[in-house]
Amino acid sequence: MKMPALGPETSLRVSRQGGFVAAPSLARPRQIEFADCDAEQRRGLCSVVERCLPVASKNVGAGDQRFFRVELHYRREDTDAELILQIAEDRAPQELMQLWQNGAIPGDS
């Protein structure tokens, strides 16, 4: 899988799914609009997505396994496009977990 070219019109949505969630607030998604980020923050977000590519799988969420769902919505050749990644929680990069937990954007000063 290859990282698409992402511009300021990109949006990123991260959610944690699967498993048993006792508190619904822990299942809330994070929505980030690239237009609201500076260049350094966008680079940080792209870096997180790139780190997710090699560990993403379609075969996650079996039984009570928790996983992250990363959705990128972007424009390619004047057409809306999306990339959806599913990453098992135990294989997720630390930056993805921090992004989901507290909205910490890599590169944020």
N, C-alpha and C. Protein backbone atom coordinates (compact mmCIF):
# COMPACT_ATOMS: atom_id res chain seq x y z
N MET A 1 0.84 -1.17 0.00
CA MET A 1 0.00 0.00 0.00
C MET A 1 0.90 1.24 0.00
N LYS A 2 0.47 2.25 -0.71
CA LYS A 2 1.28 3.45 -0.88
C LYS A 2 0.51 4.66 -0.36
N MET A 3 1.24 5.59 0.21
CA MET A 3 0.65 6.81 0.75
C MET A 3 0.25 7.73 -0.40
N PRO A 4 -1.02 8.18 -0.43
CA PRO A 4 -1.43 9.13 -1.47
C PRO A 4 -0.88 10.52 -1.17
N ALA A 5 -0.87 11.37 -2.18
CA ALA A 5 -0.48 12.76 -1.98
C ALA A 5 -1.64 13.46 -1.26
N LEU A 6 -1.31 14.13 -0.17
CA LEU A 6 -2.34 14.76 0.65
C LEU A 6 -2.16 16.26 0.66
N GLY A 7 -3.25 16.98 0.44
CA GLY A 7 -3.22 18.43 0.45
C GLY A 7 -4.02 18.98 1.61
N PRO A 8 -4.16 20.31 1.67
CA PRO A 8 -4.87 20.94 2.78
C PRO A 8 -6.36 20.60 2.84
N GLU A 9 -6.92 20.06 1.77
CA GLU A 9 -8.34 19.70 1.79
C GLU A 9 -8.58 18.32 2.40
N THR A 10 -7.54 17.67 2.87
CA THR A 10 -7.61 16.33 3.46
C THR A 10 -8.23 16.39 4.85
N SER A 11 -8.99 15.36 5.18
CA SER A 11 -9.45 15.19 6.56
C SER A 11 -9.05 13.80 7.02
N LEU A 12 -8.78 13.70 8.31
CA LEU A 12 -8.33 12.46 8.93
C LEU A 12 -9.28 12.15 10.07
N ARG A 13 -9.76 10.94 10.12
CA ARG A 13 -10.65 10.51 11.20
C ARG A 13 -10.06 9.24 11.80
N VAL A 14 -9.87 9.24 13.11
CA VAL A 14 -9.32 8.09 13.82
C VAL A 14 -10.34 7.65 14.86
N SER A 15 -10.67 6.37 14.85
CA SER A 15 -11.57 5.83 15.87
C SER A 15 -11.02 4.49 16.34
N ARG A 16 -11.40 4.13 17.56
CA ARG A 16 -11.02 2.82 18.09
C ARG A 16 -12.28 1.98 18.13
N GLN A 17 -12.20 0.77 17.64
CA GLN A 17 -13.37 -0.09 17.52
C GLN A 17 -13.06 -1.47 18.07
N GLY A 18 -14.10 -2.27 18.19
CA GLY A 18 -13.94 -3.64 18.65
C GLY A 18 -13.80 -3.72 20.15
N GLY A 19 -13.79 -4.94 20.65
CA GLY A 19 -13.65 -5.13 22.08
C GLY A 19 -14.86 -4.64 22.84
N PHE A 20 -14.77 -4.70 24.13
CA PHE A 20 -15.84 -4.24 25.00
C PHE A 20 -15.47 -2.87 25.53
N VAL A 21 -16.33 -1.90 25.30
CA VAL A 21 -16.07 -0.54 25.78
C VAL A 21 -17.11 -0.20 26.83
N ALA A 22 -16.67 -0.09 28.08
CA ALA A 22 -17.58 0.21 29.18
C ALA A 22 -18.01 1.67 29.17
N ALA A 23 -17.15 2.55 28.71
CA ALA A 23 -17.46 3.98 28.68
C ALA A 23 -17.54 4.43 27.23
N PRO A 24 -18.73 4.81 26.73
CA PRO A 24 -18.87 5.21 25.34
C PRO A 24 -17.93 6.34 24.92
N SER A 25 -17.55 7.22 25.86
CA SER A 25 -16.65 8.32 25.50
C SER A 25 -15.30 7.80 25.04
N LEU A 26 -14.92 6.60 25.44
CA LEU A 26 -13.64 6.03 25.01
C LEU A 26 -13.68 5.55 23.56
N ALA A 27 -14.86 5.50 22.97
CA ALA A 27 -14.98 5.06 21.58
C ALA A 27 -15.09 6.24 20.62
N ARG A 28 -15.01 7.46 21.14
CA ARG A 28 -15.20 8.64 20.30
C ARG A 28 -14.12 8.76 19.22
N PRO A 29 -14.51 9.18 18.04
CA PRO A 29 -13.51 9.38 16.99
C PRO A 29 -12.86 10.76 17.10
N ARG A 30 -11.69 10.88 16.51
CA ARG A 30 -11.00 12.17 16.37
C ARG A 30 -11.10 12.58 14.92
N GLN A 31 -11.54 13.78 14.67
CA GLN A 31 -11.65 14.30 13.31
C GLN A 31 -10.70 15.48 13.19
N ILE A 32 -9.79 15.44 12.22
CA ILE A 32 -8.82 16.51 12.03
C ILE A 32 -8.87 16.96 10.59
N GLU A 33 -9.03 18.25 10.40
CA GLU A 33 -9.02 18.85 9.07
C GLU A 33 -7.63 19.40 8.81
N PHE A 34 -7.00 18.97 7.73
CA PHE A 34 -5.66 19.44 7.42
C PHE A 34 -5.63 20.96 7.24
N ALA A 35 -6.72 21.55 6.78
CA ALA A 35 -6.78 23.00 6.57
C ALA A 35 -6.60 23.76 7.88
N ASP A 36 -6.92 23.11 9.01
CA ASP A 36 -6.78 23.74 10.32
C ASP A 36 -5.38 23.55 10.91
N CYS A 37 -4.50 22.86 10.19
CA CYS A 37 -3.16 22.55 10.68
C CYS A 37 -2.11 23.33 9.90
N ASP A 38 -1.00 23.63 10.56
CA ASP A 38 0.11 24.25 9.84
C ASP A 38 0.91 23.16 9.13
N ALA A 39 1.89 23.55 8.35
CA ALA A 39 2.66 22.61 7.53
C ALA A 39 3.34 21.54 8.38
N GLU A 40 3.88 21.94 9.54
CA GLU A 40 4.57 20.98 10.41
C GLU A 40 3.60 19.95 10.97
N GLN A 41 2.43 20.39 11.36
CA GLN A 41 1.41 19.47 11.86
C GLN A 41 0.95 18.51 10.77
N ARG A 42 0.77 19.02 9.55
CA ARG A 42 0.37 18.13 8.43
C ARG A 42 1.44 17.08 8.17
N ARG A 43 2.71 17.48 8.21
CA ARG A 43 3.81 16.51 8.05
C ARG A 43 3.75 15.45 9.14
N GLY A 44 3.48 15.88 10.37
CA GLY A 44 3.37 14.94 11.49
C GLY A 44 2.24 13.96 11.30
N LEU A 45 1.09 14.45 10.84
CA LEU A 45 -0.05 13.56 10.59
C LEU A 45 0.26 12.57 9.47
N CYS A 46 0.90 13.05 8.40
CA CYS A 46 1.29 12.16 7.30
C CYS A 46 2.26 11.10 7.80
N SER A 47 3.16 11.48 8.69
CA SER A 47 4.12 10.54 9.25
C SER A 47 3.41 9.43 10.03
N VAL A 48 2.38 9.79 10.79
CA VAL A 48 1.61 8.79 11.53
C VAL A 48 0.96 7.82 10.56
N VAL A 49 0.33 8.35 9.51
CA VAL A 49 -0.33 7.47 8.54
C VAL A 49 0.69 6.56 7.86
N GLU A 50 1.83 7.10 7.49
CA GLU A 50 2.88 6.28 6.86
C GLU A 50 3.34 5.16 7.78
N ARG A 51 3.42 5.43 9.08
CA ARG A 51 3.83 4.39 10.04
C ARG A 51 2.74 3.33 10.20
N CYS A 52 1.51 3.67 9.89
CA CYS A 52 0.40 2.72 9.98
C CYS A 52 0.32 1.79 8.78
N LEU A 53 0.79 2.25 7.63
CA LEU A 53 0.65 1.47 6.39
C LEU A 53 1.17 0.04 6.53
N PRO A 54 2.40 -0.18 7.04
CA PRO A 54 2.91 -1.56 7.08
C PRO A 54 2.21 -2.47 8.09
N VAL A 55 1.51 -1.90 9.08
CA VAL A 55 0.86 -2.73 10.09
C VAL A 55 -0.65 -2.81 9.90
N ALA A 56 -1.17 -2.15 8.89
CA ALA A 56 -2.62 -2.19 8.60
C ALA A 56 -3.00 -3.56 8.04
N SER A 57 -4.21 -3.99 8.36
CA SER A 57 -4.70 -5.28 7.90
C SER A 57 -6.22 -5.24 7.79
N LYS A 58 -6.76 -6.02 6.90
CA LYS A 58 -8.21 -6.14 6.79
C LYS A 58 -8.74 -7.15 7.79
N ASN A 59 -7.86 -7.96 8.35
CA ASN A 59 -8.25 -9.04 9.25
C ASN A 59 -8.02 -8.66 10.71
N VAL A 60 -8.68 -7.62 11.16
CA VAL A 60 -8.58 -7.22 12.56
C VAL A 60 -9.98 -7.19 13.16
N GLY A 61 -10.05 -7.19 14.46
CA GLY A 61 -11.34 -7.09 15.13
C GLY A 61 -12.01 -8.41 15.42
N ALA A 62 -11.30 -9.53 15.23
CA ALA A 62 -11.89 -10.83 15.53
C ALA A 62 -12.07 -10.96 17.04
N GLY A 63 -13.17 -11.56 17.44
CA GLY A 63 -13.43 -11.74 18.87
C GLY A 63 -13.57 -10.38 19.54
N ASP A 64 -12.78 -10.17 20.58
CA ASP A 64 -12.87 -8.90 21.29
C ASP A 64 -11.64 -8.03 21.05
N GLN A 65 -10.94 -8.28 19.96
CA GLN A 65 -9.74 -7.50 19.65
C GLN A 65 -10.11 -6.07 19.29
N ARG A 66 -9.44 -5.13 19.95
CA ARG A 66 -9.64 -3.73 19.63
C ARG A 66 -8.71 -3.34 18.48
N PHE A 67 -9.19 -2.38 17.70
CA PHE A 67 -8.37 -1.89 16.60
C PHE A 67 -8.72 -0.44 16.30
N PHE A 68 -7.80 0.21 15.63
CA PHE A 68 -8.01 1.59 15.20
C PHE A 68 -8.43 1.59 13.75
N ARG A 69 -9.35 2.46 13.43
CA ARG A 69 -9.78 2.68 12.04
C ARG A 69 -9.35 4.10 11.70
N VAL A 70 -8.50 4.19 10.68
CA VAL A 70 -7.98 5.48 10.22
C VAL A 70 -8.58 5.73 8.85
N GLU A 71 -9.30 6.83 8.71
CA GLU A 71 -9.93 7.20 7.45
C GLU A 71 -9.32 8.50 6.96
N LEU A 72 -8.79 8.47 5.76
CA LEU A 72 -8.28 9.68 5.11
C LEU A 72 -9.23 10.01 3.96
N HIS A 73 -9.72 11.21 3.95
CA HIS A 73 -10.56 11.69 2.85
C HIS A 73 -9.78 12.81 2.19
N TYR A 74 -9.52 12.68 0.90
CA TYR A 74 -8.67 13.62 0.18
C TYR A 74 -9.13 13.76 -1.26
N ARG A 75 -8.48 14.66 -1.99
CA ARG A 75 -8.78 14.87 -3.41
C ARG A 75 -7.65 14.30 -4.24
N ARG A 76 -8.02 13.60 -5.31
CA ARG A 76 -7.04 13.09 -6.27
C ARG A 76 -7.58 13.37 -7.65
N GLU A 77 -6.83 14.16 -8.40
CA GLU A 77 -7.23 14.50 -9.78
C GLU A 77 -8.67 15.01 -9.83
N ASP A 78 -8.99 15.97 -8.97
CA ASP A 78 -10.31 16.59 -8.91
C ASP A 78 -11.44 15.63 -8.56
N THR A 79 -11.11 14.54 -7.89
CA THR A 79 -12.11 13.57 -7.48
C THR A 79 -11.91 13.27 -5.99
N ASP A 80 -13.02 13.10 -5.27
CA ASP A 80 -12.91 12.71 -3.87
C ASP A 80 -12.42 11.27 -3.79
N ALA A 81 -11.52 11.03 -2.85
CA ALA A 81 -10.98 9.68 -2.66
C ALA A 81 -10.84 9.43 -1.16
N GLU A 82 -10.68 8.16 -0.80
CA GLU A 82 -10.49 7.82 0.60
C GLU A 82 -9.55 6.63 0.73
N LEU A 83 -8.87 6.61 1.85
CA LEU A 83 -8.00 5.50 2.22
C LEU A 83 -8.42 5.11 3.62
N ILE A 84 -8.77 3.85 3.81
CA ILE A 84 -9.19 3.37 5.12
C ILE A 84 -8.22 2.28 5.57
N LEU A 85 -7.66 2.48 6.75
CA LEU A 85 -6.71 1.53 7.33
C LEU A 85 -7.28 1.00 8.63
N GLN A 86 -7.07 -0.27 8.90
CA GLN A 86 -7.44 -0.87 10.18
C GLN A 86 -6.17 -1.42 10.80
N ILE A 87 -5.90 -1.01 12.04
CA ILE A 87 -4.66 -1.37 12.71
C ILE A 87 -4.99 -1.97 14.06
N ALA A 88 -4.54 -3.20 14.29
CA ALA A 88 -4.75 -3.84 15.58
C ALA A 88 -4.13 -2.97 16.67
N GLU A 89 -4.84 -2.83 17.78
CA GLU A 89 -4.37 -1.95 18.86
C GLU A 89 -2.97 -2.32 19.32
N ASP A 90 -2.67 -3.60 19.39
CA ASP A 90 -1.34 -4.02 19.87
C ASP A 90 -0.22 -3.79 18.85
N ARG A 91 -0.56 -3.39 17.64
CA ARG A 91 0.45 -3.09 16.61
C ARG A 91 0.48 -1.62 16.23
N ALA A 92 -0.39 -0.82 16.84
CA ALA A 92 -0.52 0.59 16.49
C ALA A 92 0.69 1.40 16.95
N PRO A 93 1.18 2.29 16.10
CA PRO A 93 2.27 3.18 16.51
C PRO A 93 1.82 4.06 17.69
N GLN A 94 2.73 4.35 18.58
CA GLN A 94 2.43 5.17 19.75
C GLN A 94 1.81 6.51 19.37
N GLU A 95 2.28 7.11 18.28
CA GLU A 95 1.75 8.41 17.85
C GLU A 95 0.26 8.32 17.50
N LEU A 96 -0.16 7.19 16.92
CA LEU A 96 -1.58 7.01 16.59
C LEU A 96 -2.39 6.91 17.87
N MET A 97 -1.89 6.19 18.85
CA MET A 97 -2.60 6.06 20.12
C MET A 97 -2.72 7.42 20.81
N GLN A 98 -1.67 8.22 20.77
CA GLN A 98 -1.71 9.55 21.39
C GLN A 98 -2.66 10.47 20.63
N LEU A 99 -2.66 10.36 19.33
CA LEU A 99 -3.57 11.17 18.51
C LEU A 99 -5.02 10.86 18.88
N TRP A 100 -5.35 9.58 18.98
CA TRP A 100 -6.71 9.19 19.30
C TRP A 100 -7.07 9.56 20.75
N GLN A 101 -6.16 9.28 21.68
CA GLN A 101 -6.47 9.49 23.10
C GLN A 101 -6.67 10.96 23.45
N ASN A 102 -5.74 11.82 23.01
CA ASN A 102 -5.82 13.20 23.47
C ASN A 102 -5.67 14.24 22.37
N GLY A 103 -5.78 13.82 21.14
CA GLY A 103 -5.73 14.77 20.03
C GLY A 103 -4.36 15.37 19.80
N ALA A 104 -3.31 14.75 20.35
CA ALA A 104 -1.95 15.27 20.20
C ALA A 104 -1.48 15.06 18.77
N ILE A 105 -1.33 16.16 18.04
CA ILE A 105 -0.87 16.09 16.66
C ILE A 105 0.65 16.11 16.65
N PRO A 106 1.30 15.09 16.05
CA PRO A 106 2.76 15.10 15.97
C PRO A 106 3.23 16.37 15.26
N GLY A 107 4.26 16.99 15.81
CA GLY A 107 4.77 18.22 15.23
C GLY A 107 4.14 19.44 15.86
N ASP A 108 3.15 19.22 16.75
CA ASP A 108 2.51 20.32 17.46
C ASP A 108 3.51 20.92 18.43
N SER A 109 3.66 22.19 18.41
CA SER A 109 4.62 22.84 19.32
C SER A 109 3.99 23.18 20.63
